[in-house]
Amino acid sequence: MNTSPITQARNPHATSTASENAAATDATILLVDDEPNVIDGLRRALRHEPFEFLGATSGAAARELLARRHVDVVISDEQMPVMSGSQLLSIVRREYPHTIRMILSGQSSLATAIKAINEGEVYRFFLKPCNPDDLAFTVHQALSHKRLEEQSRLLLQKCEQQSAVLARLEQDSPGITKLDLDLHGAVLVDESDGEANLADLVAAIEKAMKA
């Protein structure tokens, strides 16, 4: 059985048909199944979606691709020889925690679903054959969720950076970050020396930013 990665360039016919889909353009989807015809079938079913598709016929081949390429979503078959989909997605969760993980399975047992959810923390569990529209909608939904998470992480990083700057300012000039507020929460400014205080504050901020 061929276990080498199967790759495919970005779909030249892919177009964004809705405003919410436009942001997902160029997302990379990795399809993993030990049957190449299943991968080809999924590509055909999703050919009008604005995604780039990669394919792998084994867990090992999928890991090779993940090491070389940025992947937004992994959609893996569960029943594969050597390494199951749950085992693969468990590795993906550990090594690429921000990559979205989904399972396709021909078995509808509750034990299989629980295993995939527990080991790979999958976003969705689909039964074969799955509806292409449902799969496409779920991928778009997952990508939107991922973008929100990324924005939240960036905001958190900025807040932490700003807090660190304020902490350095307060350490260098105790009381400089304290503000006097009126009953409505508005900042009170002493106009007699406001310009001097403002200049001192700007200088302190610039110094802290360079530190």
C-alpha atoms as a PDB file:
ATOM      1  CA  MET A   1       0.000   0.000   0.000  1.00  0.00           C
ATOM      2  CA  ASN A   2       1.297   3.419  -0.931  1.00  0.00           C
ATOM      3  CA  THR A   3       1.872   5.531   2.159  1.00  0.00           C
ATOM      4  CA  SER A   4       3.527   8.500   0.501  1.00  0.00           C
ATOM      5  CA  PRO A   5       1.839  11.894   0.863  1.00  0.00           C
ATOM      6  CA  ILE A   6      -0.618  12.854  -1.861  1.00  0.00           C
ATOM      7  CA  THR A   7      -0.612  16.565  -2.525  1.00  0.00           C
ATOM      8  CA  GLN A   8      -2.653  18.829  -4.682  1.00  0.00           C
ATOM      9  CA  ALA A   9      -2.283  22.489  -5.575  1.00  0.00           C
ATOM     10  CA  ARG A  10      -4.945  25.037  -4.678  1.00  0.00           C
ATOM     11  CA  ASN A  11      -8.184  24.428  -6.527  1.00  0.00           C
ATOM     12  CA  PRO A  12      -8.130  26.843  -9.523  1.00  0.00           C
ATOM     13  CA  HIS A  13     -11.938  26.811  -9.678  1.00  0.00           C
ATOM     14  CA  ALA A  14     -12.430  27.686  -6.015  1.00  0.00           C
ATOM     15  CA  THR A  15     -14.372  30.889  -5.488  1.00  0.00           C
ATOM     16  CA  SER A  16     -15.841  32.532  -2.394  1.00  0.00           C
ATOM     17  CA  THR A  17     -19.616  32.540  -2.697  1.00  0.00           C
ATOM     18  CA  ALA A  18     -20.406  34.364   0.532  1.00  0.00           C
ATOM     19  CA  SER A  19     -18.851  37.073   2.654  1.00  0.00           C
ATOM     20  CA  GLU A  20     -18.287  34.705   5.569  1.00  0.00           C
ATOM     21  CA  ASN A  21     -16.440  32.305   3.245  1.00  0.00           C
ATOM     22  CA  ALA A  22     -14.091  34.959   1.893  1.00  0.00           C
ATOM     23  CA  ALA A  23     -12.051  35.032   5.098  1.00  0.00           C
ATOM     24  CA  ALA A  24     -11.528  31.288   4.809  1.00  0.00           C
ATOM     25  CA  THR A  25      -9.920  31.515   1.368  1.00  0.00           C
ATOM     26  CA  ASP A  26      -6.544  29.767   1.209  1.00  0.00           C
ATOM     27  CA  ALA A  27      -7.252  27.603   4.227  1.00  0.00           C
ATOM     28  CA  THR A  28      -5.401  24.308   3.851  1.00  0.00           C
ATOM     29  CA  ILE A  29      -7.272  21.049   4.463  1.00  0.00           C
ATOM     30  CA  LEU A  30      -5.434  17.745   4.955  1.00  0.00           C
ATOM     31  CA  LEU A  31      -7.492  14.669   4.010  1.00  0.00           C
ATOM     32  CA  VAL A  32      -6.235  11.373   5.470  1.00  0.00           C
ATOM     33  CA  ASP A  33      -7.574   7.978   4.363  1.00  0.00           C
ATOM     34  CA  ASP A  34      -5.872   4.701   3.471  1.00  0.00           C
ATOM     35  CA  GLU A  35      -8.128   4.512   0.397  1.00  0.00           C
ATOM     36  CA  PRO A  36      -7.003   7.090  -2.228  1.00  0.00           C
ATOM     37  CA  ASN A  37     -10.409   7.003  -3.937  1.00  0.00           C
ATOM     38  CA  VAL A  38     -12.015   8.341  -0.747  1.00  0.00           C
ATOM     39  CA  ILE A  39      -9.599  11.269  -0.745  1.00  0.00           C
ATOM     40  CA  ASP A  40     -10.333  11.927  -4.419  1.00  0.00           C
ATOM     41  CA  GLY A  41     -14.064  11.734  -3.719  1.00  0.00           C
ATOM     42  CA  LEU A  42     -13.839  14.313  -0.950  1.00  0.00           C
ATOM     43  CA  ARG A  43     -11.807  16.606  -3.186  1.00  0.00           C
ATOM     44  CA  ARG A  44     -14.435  16.375  -5.912  1.00  0.00           C
ATOM     45  CA  ALA A  45     -17.268  16.922  -3.449  1.00  0.00           C
ATOM     46  CA  LEU A  46     -15.576  20.046  -2.042  1.00  0.00           C
ATOM     47  CA  ARG A  47     -14.070  21.302  -5.303  1.00  0.00           C
ATOM     48  CA  HIS A  48     -16.059  24.548  -5.260  1.00  0.00           C
ATOM     49  CA  GLU A  49     -14.897  25.479  -1.775  1.00  0.00           C
ATOM     50  CA  PRO A  50     -12.079  28.056  -1.425  1.00  0.00           C
ATOM     51  CA  PHE A  51      -9.609  25.589   0.067  1.00  0.00           C
ATOM     52  CA  GLU A  52      -6.282  24.048  -0.816  1.00  0.00           C
ATOM     53  CA  PHE A  53      -6.383  20.280  -0.375  1.00  0.00           C
ATOM     54  CA  LEU A  54      -3.590  17.954   0.671  1.00  0.00           C
ATOM     55  CA  GLY A  55      -3.961  14.195   0.926  1.00  0.00           C
ATOM     56  CA  ALA A  56      -2.197  11.385   2.765  1.00  0.00           C
ATOM     57  CA  THR A  57      -2.909   7.633   2.761  1.00  0.00           C
ATOM     58  CA  SER A  58      -1.529   6.907   6.237  1.00  0.00           C
ATOM     59  CA  GLY A  59      -0.908   8.510   9.579  1.00  0.00           C
ATOM     60  CA  ALA A  60       2.841   8.522   8.961  1.00  0.00           C
ATOM     61  CA  ALA A  61       2.415  10.258   5.611  1.00  0.00           C
ATOM     62  CA  ALA A  62       0.111  12.805   7.227  1.00  0.00           C
ATOM     63  CA  ARG A  63       2.745  13.601   9.860  1.00  0.00           C
ATOM     64  CA  GLU A  64       5.325  14.152   7.116  1.00  0.00           C
ATOM     65  CA  LEU A  65       3.047  16.689   5.451  1.00  0.00           C
ATOM     66  CA  LEU A  66       2.263  18.426   8.728  1.00  0.00           C
ATOM     67  CA  ALA A  67       5.985  18.825   9.381  1.00  0.00           C
ATOM     68  CA  ARG A  68       6.445  20.552   6.012  1.00  0.00           C
ATOM     69  CA  ARG A  69       3.216  22.454   5.487  1.00  0.00           C
ATOM     70  CA  HIS A  70       0.912  24.692   7.470  1.00  0.00           C
ATOM     71  CA  VAL A  71      -2.445  22.924   7.802  1.00  0.00           C
ATOM     72  CA  ASP A  72      -5.626  24.503   9.153  1.00  0.00           C
ATOM     73  CA  VAL A  73      -7.850  21.411   9.272  1.00  0.00           C
ATOM     74  CA  VAL A  74      -7.147  17.658   9.376  1.00  0.00           C
ATOM     75  CA  ILE A  75     -10.003  15.368   8.333  1.00  0.00           C
ATOM     76  CA  SER A  76      -9.019  11.772   8.982  1.00  0.00           C
ATOM     77  CA  ASP A  77     -10.565   8.355   8.515  1.00  0.00           C
ATOM     78  CA  GLU A  78     -10.739   6.420  11.788  1.00  0.00           C
ATOM     79  CA  GLN A  79     -10.145   2.846  10.597  1.00  0.00           C
ATOM     80  CA  MET A  80      -6.639   2.826   9.103  1.00  0.00           C
ATOM     81  CA  PRO A  81      -3.882   0.214   9.460  1.00  0.00           C
ATOM     82  CA  VAL A  82      -0.889   0.862  11.747  1.00  0.00           C
ATOM     83  CA  MET A  83      -2.191   4.203  13.029  1.00  0.00           C
ATOM     84  CA  SER A  84      -5.886   4.926  13.526  1.00  0.00           C
ATOM     85  CA  GLY A  85      -7.431   8.331  12.983  1.00  0.00           C
ATOM     86  CA  SER A  86      -7.825   8.800  16.732  1.00  0.00           C
ATOM     87  CA  GLN A  87      -4.138   8.075  17.280  1.00  0.00           C
ATOM     88  CA  LEU A  88      -3.127  10.463  14.500  1.00  0.00           C
ATOM     89  CA  LEU A  89      -5.319  13.283  15.791  1.00  0.00           C
ATOM     90  CA  SER A  90      -4.019  12.729  19.306  1.00  0.00           C
ATOM     91  CA  ILE A  91      -0.522  13.440  17.940  1.00  0.00           C
ATOM     92  CA  VAL A  92      -1.822  16.437  15.979  1.00  0.00           C
ATOM     93  CA  ARG A  93      -3.459  17.800  19.130  1.00  0.00           C
ATOM     94  CA  ARG A  94      -0.135  17.568  20.982  1.00  0.00           C
ATOM     95  CA  GLU A  95       2.178  18.851  18.215  1.00  0.00           C
ATOM     96  CA  TYR A  96      -0.168  21.277  16.410  1.00  0.00           C
ATOM     97  CA  PRO A  97      -2.763  22.273  19.026  1.00  0.00           C
ATOM     98  CA  HIS A  98      -4.309  25.030  16.908  1.00  0.00           C
ATOM     99  CA  THR A  99      -5.011  22.713  13.960  1.00  0.00           C
ATOM    100  CA  ILE A 100      -8.686  21.759  13.731  1.00  0.00           C
ATOM    101  CA  ARG A 101      -9.309  18.006  13.886  1.00  0.00           C
ATOM    102  CA  MET A 102     -12.222  16.004  12.438  1.00  0.00           C
ATOM    103  CA  ILE A 103     -12.952  12.291  12.079  1.00  0.00           C
ATOM    104  CA  LEU A 104     -14.689  10.328   9.320  1.00  0.00           C
ATOM    105  CA  SER A 105     -15.748   6.842  10.335  1.00  0.00           C
ATOM    106  CA  GLY A 106     -17.623   3.970   8.773  1.00  0.00           C
ATOM    107  CA  GLN A 107     -18.534   2.690  12.233  1.00  0.00           C
ATOM    108  CA  SER A 108     -21.308   4.285  14.231  1.00  0.00           C
ATOM    109  CA  SER A 109     -20.454   2.758  17.598  1.00  0.00           C
ATOM    110  CA  LEU A 110     -20.510   5.022  20.618  1.00  0.00           C
ATOM    111  CA  ALA A 111     -17.150   3.600  21.739  1.00  0.00           C
ATOM    112  CA  THR A 112     -15.492   4.733  18.494  1.00  0.00           C
ATOM    113  CA  ALA A 113     -16.867   8.252  18.842  1.00  0.00           C
ATOM    114  CA  ILE A 114     -15.842   8.516  22.492  1.00  0.00           C
ATOM    115  CA  LYS A 115     -12.334   7.304  21.659  1.00  0.00           C
ATOM    116  CA  ALA A 116     -11.930   9.922  18.918  1.00  0.00           C
ATOM    117  CA  ILE A 117     -13.230  12.688  21.158  1.00  0.00           C
ATOM    118  CA  ASN A 118     -11.096  11.712  24.151  1.00  0.00           C
ATOM    119  CA  GLU A 119      -7.853  10.989  22.309  1.00  0.00           C
ATOM    120  CA  GLY A 120      -7.940  13.605  19.570  1.00  0.00           C
ATOM    121  CA  GLU A 121     -10.347  16.192  21.004  1.00  0.00           C
ATOM    122  CA  VAL A 122     -12.011  16.260  17.596  1.00  0.00           C
ATOM    123  CA  TYR A 123     -14.127  19.209  16.526  1.00  0.00           C
ATOM    124  CA  ARG A 124     -16.647  16.975  14.728  1.00  0.00           C
ATOM    125  CA  PHE A 125     -17.250  13.242  14.217  1.00  0.00           C
ATOM    126  CA  PHE A 126     -18.800  12.314  10.838  1.00  0.00           C
ATOM    127  CA  LEU A 127     -20.172   8.988   9.662  1.00  0.00           C
ATOM    128  CA  LYS A 128     -19.410   7.748   6.162  1.00  0.00           C
ATOM    129  CA  PRO A 129     -20.798   8.605   3.736  1.00  0.00           C
ATOM    130  CA  CYS A 130     -21.120  12.167   4.992  1.00  0.00           C
ATOM    131  CA  ASN A 131     -23.066  14.935   3.308  1.00  0.00           C
ATOM    132  CA  PRO A 132     -20.583  17.224   1.479  1.00  0.00           C
ATOM    133  CA  ASP A 133     -22.655  20.309   2.306  1.00  0.00           C
ATOM    134  CA  ASP A 134     -22.623  19.427   6.012  1.00  0.00           C
ATOM    135  CA  LEU A 135     -18.873  18.832   5.875  1.00  0.00           C
ATOM    136  CA  ALA A 136     -18.203  22.123   4.051  1.00  0.00           C
ATOM    137  CA  PHE A 137     -20.412  24.069   6.457  1.00  0.00           C
ATOM    138  CA  THR A 138     -18.662  22.525   9.458  1.00  0.00           C
ATOM    139  CA  VAL A 139     -15.221  23.349   8.056  1.00  0.00           C
ATOM    140  CA  HIS A 140     -16.230  26.996   7.505  1.00  0.00           C
ATOM    141  CA  GLN A 141     -17.693  27.115  10.998  1.00  0.00           C
ATOM    142  CA  ALA A 142     -14.532  25.636  12.504  1.00  0.00           C
ATOM    143  CA  LEU A 143     -12.307  28.089  10.625  1.00  0.00           C
ATOM    144  CA  SER A 144     -14.394  31.023  11.879  1.00  0.00           C
ATOM    145  CA  HIS A 145     -14.014  29.688  15.414  1.00  0.00           C
ATOM    146  CA  LYS A 146     -10.272  29.326  14.896  1.00  0.00           C
ATOM    147  CA  ARG A 147      -9.954  32.932  13.685  1.00  0.00           C
ATOM    148  CA  LEU A 148     -11.808  34.169  16.766  1.00  0.00           C
ATOM    149  CA  GLU A 149      -9.448  32.188  18.979  1.00  0.00           C
ATOM    150  CA  GLU A 150      -6.424  33.650  17.179  1.00  0.00           C
ATOM    151  CA  GLN A 151      -7.793  37.195  17.625  1.00  0.00           C
ATOM    152  CA  SER A 152      -8.399  36.504  21.307  1.00  0.00           C
ATOM    153  CA  ARG A 153      -4.822  35.283  21.755  1.00  0.00           C
ATOM    154  CA  LEU A 154      -3.479  38.428  20.060  1.00  0.00           C
ATOM    155  CA  LEU A 155      -5.613  40.673  22.265  1.00  0.00           C
ATOM    156  CA  LEU A 156      -4.443  38.811  25.357  1.00  0.00           C
ATOM    157  CA  GLN A 157      -0.807  39.212  24.301  1.00  0.00           C
ATOM    158  CA  LYS A 158      -1.310  42.963  23.776  1.00  0.00           C
ATOM    159  CA  CYS A 159      -2.975  43.306  27.175  1.00  0.00           C
ATOM    160  CA  GLU A 160      -0.104  41.449  28.825  1.00  0.00           C
ATOM    161  CA  GLN A 161       2.450  43.675  27.047  1.00  0.00           C
ATOM    162  CA  GLN A 162       0.590  46.825  28.098  1.00  0.00           C
ATOM    163  CA  SER A 163       0.328  45.582  31.675  1.00  0.00           C
ATOM    164  CA  ALA A 164       4.075  44.942  31.716  1.00  0.00           C
ATOM    165  CA  VAL A 165       4.752  48.489  30.480  1.00  0.00           C
ATOM    166  CA  LEU A 166       2.494  49.977  33.144  1.00  0.00           C
ATOM    167  CA  ALA A 167       4.166  47.842  35.805  1.00  0.00           C
ATOM    168  CA  ARG A 168       7.608  49.159  34.761  1.00  0.00           C
ATOM    169  CA  LEU A 169       6.285  52.723  34.797  1.00  0.00           C
ATOM    170  CA  GLU A 170       4.874  52.291  38.278  1.00  0.00           C
ATOM    171  CA  GLN A 171       8.134  50.737  39.485  1.00  0.00           C
ATOM    172  CA  ASP A 172      10.240  53.586  38.076  1.00  0.00           C
ATOM    173  CA  SER A 173       7.820  56.343  39.082  1.00  0.00           C
ATOM    174  CA  PRO A 174       5.475  55.226  41.879  1.00  0.00           C
ATOM    175  CA  GLY A 175       2.025  56.707  41.503  1.00  0.00           C
ATOM    176  CA  ILE A 176       2.428  57.701  37.871  1.00  0.00           C
ATOM    177  CA  THR A 177      -0.267  55.284  36.701  1.00  0.00           C
ATOM    178  CA  LYS A 178      -2.766  56.335  39.377  1.00  0.00           C
ATOM    179  CA  LEU A 179      -5.706  58.348  38.083  1.00  0.00           C
ATOM    180  CA  ASP A 180      -8.136  60.602  39.929  1.00  0.00           C
ATOM    181  CA  LEU A 181     -11.722  59.953  38.833  1.00  0.00           C
ATOM    182  CA  ASP A 182     -14.939  61.886  39.432  1.00  0.00           C
ATOM    183  CA  LEU A 183     -18.247  60.311  40.426  1.00  0.00           C
ATOM    184  CA  HIS A 184     -18.962  59.454  36.766  1.00  0.00           C
ATOM    185  CA  GLY A 185     -15.621  57.752  36.163  1.00  0.00           C
ATOM    186  CA  ALA A 186     -14.108  60.646  34.193  1.00  0.00           C
ATOM    187  CA  VAL A 187     -10.410  61.388  34.683  1.00  0.00           C
ATOM    188  CA  LEU A 188      -9.693  64.512  36.693  1.00  0.00           C
ATOM    189  CA  VAL A 189      -6.807  66.630  35.408  1.00  0.00           C
ATOM    190  CA  ASP A 190      -5.005  69.314  37.376  1.00  0.00           C
ATOM    191  CA  GLU A 191      -4.745  72.052  34.740  1.00  0.00           C
ATOM    192  CA  SER A 192      -2.092  73.917  36.690  1.00  0.00           C
ATOM    193  CA  ASP A 193       0.590  71.350  35.958  1.00  0.00           C
ATOM    194  CA  GLY A 194      -1.184  69.106  33.434  1.00  0.00           C
ATOM    195  CA  GLU A 195       1.231  69.873  30.594  1.00  0.00           C
ATOM    196  CA  ALA A 196       4.253  69.077  32.710  1.00  0.00           C
ATOM    197  CA  ASN A 197       2.725  65.841  33.989  1.00  0.00           C
ATOM    198  CA  LEU A 198       1.760  64.836  30.467  1.00  0.00           C
ATOM    199  CA  ALA A 199       5.278  65.419  29.198  1.00  0.00           C
ATOM    200  CA  ASP A 200       6.683  63.373  32.083  1.00  0.00           C
ATOM    201  CA  LEU A 201       4.225  60.568  31.375  1.00  0.00           C
ATOM    202  CA  VAL A 202       5.062  60.487  27.654  1.00  0.00           C
ATOM    203  CA  ALA A 203       8.774  60.416  28.410  1.00  0.00           C
ATOM    204  CA  ALA A 204       8.300  57.630  30.925  1.00  0.00           C
ATOM    205  CA  ILE A 205       6.237  55.566  28.489  1.00  0.00           C
ATOM    206  CA  GLU A 206       8.844  55.955  25.737  1.00  0.00           C
ATOM    207  CA  LYS A 207      11.548  54.905  28.165  1.00  0.00           C
ATOM    208  CA  ALA A 208       9.576  51.870  29.274  1.00  0.00           C
ATOM    209  CA  MET A 209       8.834  50.830  25.700  1.00  0.00           C
ATOM    210  CA  LYS A 210      12.540  50.885  24.867  1.00  0.00           C
ATOM    211  CA  ALA A 211      13.477  48.876  27.944  1.00  0.00           C
END
